């Protein structure tokens, strides 16, 4: 199948595989975000492509994998938590919303994960904003 895919899609698939295998959180989140950016660009630029279904399924599959592993990420430091939260809340928010409709346990995973550092992140943001006044 890879023979028919564009180099960009092959690179996105490589990045998603690297995300899945890596143990380093900063590498994982960077690989995931880079792959999603490539896939989003492909969807935007290739409206008539026969590979659109593959791209949409890749995004959903890896978003689901991320949501399923969130309970294992409860010991993250604030910086790593922010990176994963940014992915969930910004990069793949549409996919998250679609998935949690059919799988309530994934919504709980997301909510529990966000709650790990949410209060601390809000306090930190408030301090930063006060310092800018």
N, C-alpha and C. Protein backbone atom coordinates (compact mmCIF):
# COMPACT_ATOMS: atom_id res chain seq x y z
N UNK A 1 0.82 -1.20 0.00
CA UNK A 1 0.00 0.00 0.00
C UNK A 1 0.86 1.26 0.00
N UNK A 2 2.00 1.24 0.67
CA UNK A 2 2.86 2.42 0.74
C UNK A 2 3.32 2.90 -0.63
N UNK A 3 3.35 2.00 -1.61
CA UNK A 3 3.81 2.41 -2.94
C UNK A 3 2.89 3.46 -3.56
N UNK A 4 1.63 3.45 -3.18
CA UNK A 4 0.66 4.38 -3.75
C UNK A 4 0.50 5.66 -2.95
N UNK A 5 1.13 5.74 -1.81
CA UNK A 5 0.98 6.91 -0.96
C UNK A 5 2.04 7.95 -1.26
N UNK A 6 1.69 9.19 -1.01
CA UNK A 6 2.64 10.28 -1.20
C UNK A 6 3.73 10.19 -0.13
N UNK A 7 4.90 10.76 -0.42
CA UNK A 7 5.97 10.78 0.59
C UNK A 7 5.53 11.42 1.90
N UNK A 8 4.67 12.43 1.83
CA UNK A 8 4.17 13.07 3.06
C UNK A 8 3.37 12.10 3.91
N UNK A 9 2.51 11.31 3.28
CA UNK A 9 1.72 10.36 4.04
C UNK A 9 2.59 9.25 4.62
N UNK A 10 3.58 8.84 3.89
CA UNK A 10 4.51 7.83 4.40
C UNK A 10 5.26 8.39 5.61
N UNK A 11 5.66 9.66 5.54
CA UNK A 11 6.34 10.30 6.66
C UNK A 11 5.42 10.41 7.87
N UNK A 12 4.17 10.77 7.64
CA UNK A 12 3.20 10.86 8.74
C UNK A 12 3.03 9.50 9.41
N UNK A 13 2.95 8.45 8.62
CA UNK A 13 2.81 7.10 9.17
C UNK A 13 4.06 6.72 9.97
N UNK A 14 5.22 7.09 9.49
CA UNK A 14 6.47 6.81 10.20
C UNK A 14 6.47 7.53 11.55
N UNK A 15 6.04 8.79 11.54
CA UNK A 15 5.99 9.56 12.78
C UNK A 15 5.00 8.97 13.79
N UNK A 16 3.87 8.51 13.30
CA UNK A 16 2.88 7.91 14.19
C UNK A 16 3.41 6.60 14.78
N UNK A 17 4.12 5.84 13.99
CA UNK A 17 4.75 4.62 14.51
C UNK A 17 5.81 4.97 15.54
N UNK A 18 6.58 6.02 15.29
CA UNK A 18 7.60 6.46 16.25
C UNK A 18 6.94 6.92 17.54
N UNK A 19 5.84 7.65 17.42
CA UNK A 19 5.06 8.07 18.59
C UNK A 19 4.69 6.87 19.45
N UNK A 20 4.20 5.84 18.79
CA UNK A 20 3.72 4.67 19.50
C UNK A 20 4.85 3.91 20.21
N UNK A 21 6.03 3.92 19.64
CA UNK A 21 7.15 3.14 20.18
C UNK A 21 7.99 3.89 21.20
N UNK A 22 8.01 5.20 21.11
CA UNK A 22 8.90 6.00 21.96
C UNK A 22 8.46 6.00 23.41
N UNK A 23 9.43 6.08 24.30
CA UNK A 23 9.18 6.20 25.74
C UNK A 23 9.40 7.64 26.22
N UNK A 24 10.03 8.46 25.39
CA UNK A 24 10.33 9.85 25.74
C UNK A 24 9.12 10.72 25.39
N UNK A 25 8.54 11.35 26.40
CA UNK A 25 7.29 12.09 26.19
C UNK A 25 7.44 13.27 25.25
N UNK A 26 8.54 14.00 25.32
CA UNK A 26 8.69 15.15 24.42
C UNK A 26 8.83 14.69 22.98
N UNK A 27 9.53 13.58 22.75
CA UNK A 27 9.62 13.03 21.39
C UNK A 27 8.25 12.53 20.92
N UNK A 28 7.56 11.85 21.80
CA UNK A 28 6.25 11.29 21.43
C UNK A 28 5.28 12.38 21.02
N UNK A 29 5.18 13.43 21.83
CA UNK A 29 4.23 14.49 21.51
C UNK A 29 4.64 15.24 20.25
N UNK A 30 5.93 15.45 20.07
CA UNK A 30 6.41 16.12 18.85
C UNK A 30 6.09 15.27 17.62
N UNK A 31 6.36 13.97 17.69
CA UNK A 31 6.07 13.08 16.56
C UNK A 31 4.57 13.07 16.25
N UNK A 32 3.75 13.00 17.28
CA UNK A 32 2.31 12.97 17.09
C UNK A 32 1.83 14.26 16.43
N UNK A 33 2.25 15.39 16.99
CA UNK A 33 1.83 16.69 16.43
C UNK A 33 2.30 16.87 14.99
N UNK A 34 3.54 16.49 14.72
CA UNK A 34 4.06 16.63 13.36
C UNK A 34 3.27 15.76 12.39
N UNK A 35 2.95 14.54 12.81
CA UNK A 35 2.17 13.65 11.94
C UNK A 35 0.78 14.22 11.67
N UNK A 36 0.14 14.71 12.72
CA UNK A 36 -1.21 15.27 12.55
C UNK A 36 -1.17 16.50 11.64
N UNK A 37 -0.15 17.31 11.79
CA UNK A 37 0.00 18.49 10.93
C UNK A 37 0.13 18.07 9.47
N UNK A 38 0.92 17.04 9.20
CA UNK A 38 1.07 16.54 7.83
C UNK A 38 -0.26 16.02 7.31
N UNK A 39 -0.95 15.23 8.14
CA UNK A 39 -2.23 14.66 7.71
C UNK A 39 -3.28 15.75 7.48
N UNK A 40 -3.33 16.75 8.34
CA UNK A 40 -4.26 17.86 8.13
C UNK A 40 -3.94 18.62 6.86
N UNK A 41 -2.67 18.85 6.60
CA UNK A 41 -2.26 19.51 5.37
C UNK A 41 -2.67 18.71 4.15
N UNK A 42 -2.50 17.42 4.23
CA UNK A 42 -2.90 16.55 3.12
C UNK A 42 -4.41 16.65 2.87
N UNK A 43 -5.19 16.59 3.94
CA UNK A 43 -6.65 16.68 3.79
C UNK A 43 -7.06 18.01 3.18
N UNK A 44 -6.36 19.06 3.56
CA UNK A 44 -6.69 20.39 3.04
C UNK A 44 -6.28 20.53 1.57
N UNK A 45 -5.12 19.98 1.23
CA UNK A 45 -4.58 20.17 -0.12
C UNK A 45 -5.05 19.13 -1.13
N UNK A 46 -5.59 18.03 -0.68
CA UNK A 46 -5.93 16.92 -1.57
C UNK A 46 -7.41 16.56 -1.44
N UNK A 47 -8.24 17.49 -1.79
CA UNK A 47 -9.69 17.33 -1.63
C UNK A 47 -10.24 16.11 -2.38
N UNK A 48 -9.65 15.78 -3.51
CA UNK A 48 -10.18 14.71 -4.35
C UNK A 48 -9.40 13.40 -4.25
N UNK A 49 -8.51 13.31 -3.30
CA UNK A 49 -7.65 12.14 -3.18
C UNK A 49 -8.43 10.89 -2.75
N UNK A 50 -8.03 9.78 -3.32
CA UNK A 50 -8.62 8.50 -2.92
C UNK A 50 -8.10 8.05 -1.56
N UNK A 51 -7.10 8.73 -1.04
CA UNK A 51 -6.50 8.36 0.25
C UNK A 51 -7.10 9.13 1.43
N UNK A 52 -8.10 9.94 1.17
CA UNK A 52 -8.70 10.72 2.26
C UNK A 52 -9.23 9.83 3.38
N UNK A 53 -9.86 8.72 3.02
CA UNK A 53 -10.41 7.81 4.03
C UNK A 53 -9.27 7.24 4.88
N UNK A 54 -8.16 6.90 4.25
CA UNK A 54 -7.00 6.38 4.97
C UNK A 54 -6.49 7.42 5.96
N UNK A 55 -6.40 8.67 5.52
CA UNK A 55 -5.88 9.74 6.36
C UNK A 55 -6.81 9.98 7.56
N UNK A 56 -8.09 10.05 7.31
CA UNK A 56 -9.06 10.25 8.39
C UNK A 56 -8.98 9.09 9.39
N UNK A 57 -8.86 7.87 8.87
CA UNK A 57 -8.77 6.70 9.75
C UNK A 57 -7.48 6.70 10.55
N UNK A 58 -6.38 7.13 9.95
CA UNK A 58 -5.12 7.24 10.70
C UNK A 58 -5.26 8.20 11.87
N UNK A 59 -5.86 9.35 11.61
CA UNK A 59 -6.04 10.33 12.67
C UNK A 59 -6.91 9.77 13.79
N UNK A 60 -7.99 9.13 13.44
CA UNK A 60 -8.90 8.56 14.44
C UNK A 60 -8.23 7.42 15.21
N UNK A 61 -7.55 6.56 14.51
CA UNK A 61 -6.91 5.40 15.15
C UNK A 61 -5.87 5.84 16.18
N UNK A 62 -5.01 6.77 15.80
CA UNK A 62 -3.96 7.18 16.72
C UNK A 62 -4.48 8.09 17.83
N UNK A 63 -5.54 8.82 17.56
CA UNK A 63 -6.17 9.59 18.63
C UNK A 63 -6.78 8.64 19.64
N UNK A 64 -7.42 7.60 19.15
CA UNK A 64 -7.99 6.61 20.07
C UNK A 64 -6.89 5.94 20.89
N UNK A 65 -5.79 5.59 20.25
CA UNK A 65 -4.68 4.98 20.99
C UNK A 65 -4.19 5.92 22.10
N UNK A 66 -4.10 7.20 21.79
CA UNK A 66 -3.68 8.16 22.80
C UNK A 66 -4.69 8.23 23.94
N UNK A 67 -5.96 8.31 23.62
CA UNK A 67 -6.99 8.36 24.65
C UNK A 67 -6.98 7.10 25.52
N UNK A 68 -6.73 5.96 24.92
CA UNK A 68 -6.70 4.71 25.67
C UNK A 68 -5.52 4.63 26.62
N UNK A 69 -4.42 5.29 26.28
CA UNK A 69 -3.24 5.20 27.14
C UNK A 69 -3.16 6.30 28.20
N UNK A 70 -4.07 7.24 28.18
CA UNK A 70 -4.03 8.35 29.14
C UNK A 70 -3.95 7.90 30.60
N UNK A 71 -4.67 6.85 31.01
CA UNK A 71 -4.55 6.44 32.41
C UNK A 71 -3.11 6.04 32.80
N UNK A 72 -2.31 5.64 31.84
CA UNK A 72 -0.93 5.27 32.12
C UNK A 72 -0.01 6.48 32.24
N UNK A 73 -0.52 7.67 31.92
CA UNK A 73 0.30 8.88 31.91
C UNK A 73 0.04 9.77 33.13
N UNK A 74 -0.46 9.20 34.20
CA UNK A 74 -0.83 10.00 35.36
C UNK A 74 0.37 10.58 36.11
N UNK A 75 1.56 10.08 35.89
CA UNK A 75 2.72 10.57 36.61
C UNK A 75 3.56 11.59 35.87
N UNK A 76 3.00 12.22 34.86
CA UNK A 76 3.75 13.20 34.07
C UNK A 76 4.04 14.47 34.85
N UNK A 77 5.16 15.10 34.49
CA UNK A 77 5.39 16.44 35.04
C UNK A 77 4.52 17.43 34.27
N UNK A 78 4.47 18.64 34.75
CA UNK A 78 3.58 19.66 34.18
C UNK A 78 3.89 19.92 32.71
N UNK A 79 5.16 20.00 32.33
CA UNK A 79 5.51 20.29 30.93
C UNK A 79 5.03 19.20 29.99
N UNK A 80 5.25 17.95 30.35
CA UNK A 80 4.79 16.85 29.49
C UNK A 80 3.27 16.80 29.45
N UNK A 81 2.64 17.05 30.61
CA UNK A 81 1.18 17.08 30.65
C UNK A 81 0.64 18.17 29.71
N UNK A 82 1.29 19.33 29.73
CA UNK A 82 0.85 20.42 28.84
C UNK A 82 0.95 20.02 27.37
N UNK A 83 2.02 19.32 27.01
CA UNK A 83 2.19 18.89 25.62
C UNK A 83 1.07 17.93 25.20
N UNK A 84 0.77 16.96 26.05
CA UNK A 84 -0.32 16.03 25.72
C UNK A 84 -1.67 16.74 25.73
N UNK A 85 -1.87 17.64 26.68
CA UNK A 85 -3.14 18.37 26.75
C UNK A 85 -3.35 19.22 25.52
N UNK A 86 -2.29 19.85 25.05
CA UNK A 86 -2.38 20.67 23.83
C UNK A 86 -2.82 19.81 22.65
N UNK A 87 -2.29 18.62 22.55
CA UNK A 87 -2.69 17.71 21.48
C UNK A 87 -4.18 17.41 21.59
N UNK A 88 -4.61 17.02 22.79
CA UNK A 88 -6.01 16.63 22.97
C UNK A 88 -6.97 17.78 22.74
N UNK A 89 -6.62 18.96 23.25
CA UNK A 89 -7.54 20.09 23.21
C UNK A 89 -7.47 20.90 21.92
N UNK A 90 -6.36 20.80 21.20
CA UNK A 90 -6.20 21.60 19.99
C UNK A 90 -5.98 20.77 18.73
N UNK A 91 -4.98 19.92 18.75
CA UNK A 91 -4.58 19.22 17.51
C UNK A 91 -5.62 18.21 17.03
N UNK A 92 -6.19 17.44 17.94
CA UNK A 92 -7.14 16.39 17.54
C UNK A 92 -8.47 16.52 18.28
N UNK A 93 -8.86 17.73 18.59
CA UNK A 93 -10.10 17.93 19.35
C UNK A 93 -11.32 17.37 18.63
N UNK A 94 -11.37 17.51 17.31
CA UNK A 94 -12.52 16.98 16.57
C UNK A 94 -12.58 15.46 16.66
N UNK A 95 -11.43 14.82 16.52
CA UNK A 95 -11.37 13.36 16.61
C UNK A 95 -11.73 12.90 18.02
N UNK A 96 -11.26 13.62 19.03
CA UNK A 96 -11.59 13.28 20.41
C UNK A 96 -13.10 13.34 20.60
N UNK A 97 -13.73 14.41 20.14
CA UNK A 97 -15.17 14.55 20.31
C UNK A 97 -15.93 13.43 19.61
N UNK A 98 -15.50 13.05 18.42
CA UNK A 98 -16.17 11.95 17.71
C UNK A 98 -16.02 10.64 18.46
N UNK A 99 -14.82 10.37 18.95
CA UNK A 99 -14.55 9.10 19.63
C UNK A 99 -15.27 8.98 20.96
N UNK A 100 -15.32 10.06 21.72
CA UNK A 100 -15.93 9.95 23.05
C UNK A 100 -17.45 9.81 23.00
N UNK A 101 -18.04 10.21 21.89
CA UNK A 101 -19.49 10.01 21.74
C UNK A 101 -19.84 8.52 21.77
N UNK A 102 -19.01 7.72 21.12
CA UNK A 102 -19.27 6.28 21.03
C UNK A 102 -18.61 5.48 22.16
N UNK A 103 -17.66 6.09 22.85
CA UNK A 103 -16.90 5.38 23.87
C UNK A 103 -16.76 6.25 25.13
N UNK A 104 -17.75 6.22 26.01
CA UNK A 104 -17.73 7.07 27.21
C UNK A 104 -16.49 6.86 28.09
N UNK A 105 -15.93 5.67 28.08
CA UNK A 105 -14.73 5.43 28.88
C UNK A 105 -13.57 6.30 28.41
N UNK A 106 -13.55 6.62 27.12
CA UNK A 106 -12.50 7.48 26.59
C UNK A 106 -12.69 8.91 27.08
N UNK A 107 -13.92 9.36 27.26
CA UNK A 107 -14.20 10.69 27.82
C UNK A 107 -13.68 10.75 29.25
N UNK A 108 -13.92 9.69 30.01
CA UNK A 108 -13.43 9.65 31.38
C UNK A 108 -11.91 9.69 31.40
N UNK A 109 -11.27 8.95 30.50
CA UNK A 109 -9.81 8.99 30.40
C UNK A 109 -9.33 10.42 30.17
N UNK A 110 -9.98 11.10 29.22
CA UNK A 110 -9.58 12.46 28.89
C UNK A 110 -9.80 13.39 30.09
N UNK A 111 -10.97 13.33 30.70
CA UNK A 111 -11.27 14.21 31.83
C UNK A 111 -10.33 13.96 33.01
N UNK A 112 -10.10 12.70 33.32
CA UNK A 112 -9.18 12.37 34.42
C UNK A 112 -7.78 12.89 34.12
N UNK A 113 -7.36 12.75 32.88
CA UNK A 113 -6.02 13.21 32.50
C UNK A 113 -5.92 14.74 32.62
N UNK A 114 -6.88 15.44 32.08
CA UNK A 114 -6.87 16.91 32.13
C UNK A 114 -6.87 17.39 33.58
N UNK A 115 -7.59 16.69 34.44
CA UNK A 115 -7.69 17.10 35.84
C UNK A 115 -6.40 16.91 36.63
N UNK A 116 -5.45 16.14 36.13
CA UNK A 116 -4.20 15.90 36.85
C UNK A 116 -3.51 17.22 37.21
N UNK A 117 -3.34 18.09 36.23
CA UNK A 117 -2.60 19.34 36.44
C UNK A 117 -3.45 20.57 36.14
N UNK A 118 -4.72 20.42 35.88
CA UNK A 118 -5.54 21.56 35.45
C UNK A 118 -5.48 22.73 36.43
N UNK A 119 -5.66 22.48 37.71
CA UNK A 119 -5.66 23.57 38.68
C UNK A 119 -4.30 24.26 38.73
N UNK A 120 -3.23 23.47 38.72
CA UNK A 120 -1.88 24.05 38.76
C UNK A 120 -1.61 24.87 37.50
N UNK A 121 -2.07 24.37 36.35
CA UNK A 121 -1.87 25.10 35.10
C UNK A 121 -2.61 26.43 35.12
N UNK A 122 -3.82 26.44 35.67
CA UNK A 122 -4.60 27.68 35.77
C UNK A 122 -3.88 28.68 36.67
N UNK A 123 -3.40 28.22 37.81
CA UNK A 123 -2.66 29.10 38.73
C UNK A 123 -1.43 29.66 38.03
N UNK A 124 -0.71 28.82 37.33
CA UNK A 124 0.48 29.27 36.61
C UNK A 124 0.13 30.31 35.56
N UNK A 125 -0.91 30.07 34.80
CA UNK A 125 -1.34 31.03 33.78
C UNK A 125 -1.77 32.36 34.40
N UNK A 126 -2.45 32.29 35.53
CA UNK A 126 -2.87 33.52 36.22
C UNK A 126 -1.65 34.32 36.68
N UNK A 127 -0.63 33.64 37.17
CA UNK A 127 0.60 34.32 37.59
C UNK A 127 1.28 34.98 36.40
N UNK A 128 1.32 34.29 35.29
CA UNK A 128 1.95 34.85 34.09
C UNK A 128 1.17 36.08 33.64
N UNK A 129 -0.14 35.99 33.63
CA UNK A 129 -0.95 37.12 33.18
C UNK A 129 -0.81 38.32 34.13
N UNK A 130 -0.74 38.08 35.42
CA UNK A 130 -0.56 39.18 36.38
C UNK A 130 0.79 39.85 36.18
N UNK A 131 1.79 39.06 35.85
CA UNK A 131 3.12 39.60 35.63
C UNK A 131 3.23 40.46 34.38
N UNK A 132 2.29 40.32 33.47
CA UNK A 132 2.31 41.10 32.22
C UNK A 132 1.58 42.43 32.34
N UNK A 133 0.91 42.65 33.44
CA UNK A 133 0.14 43.90 33.59
C UNK A 133 1.04 45.03 33.97
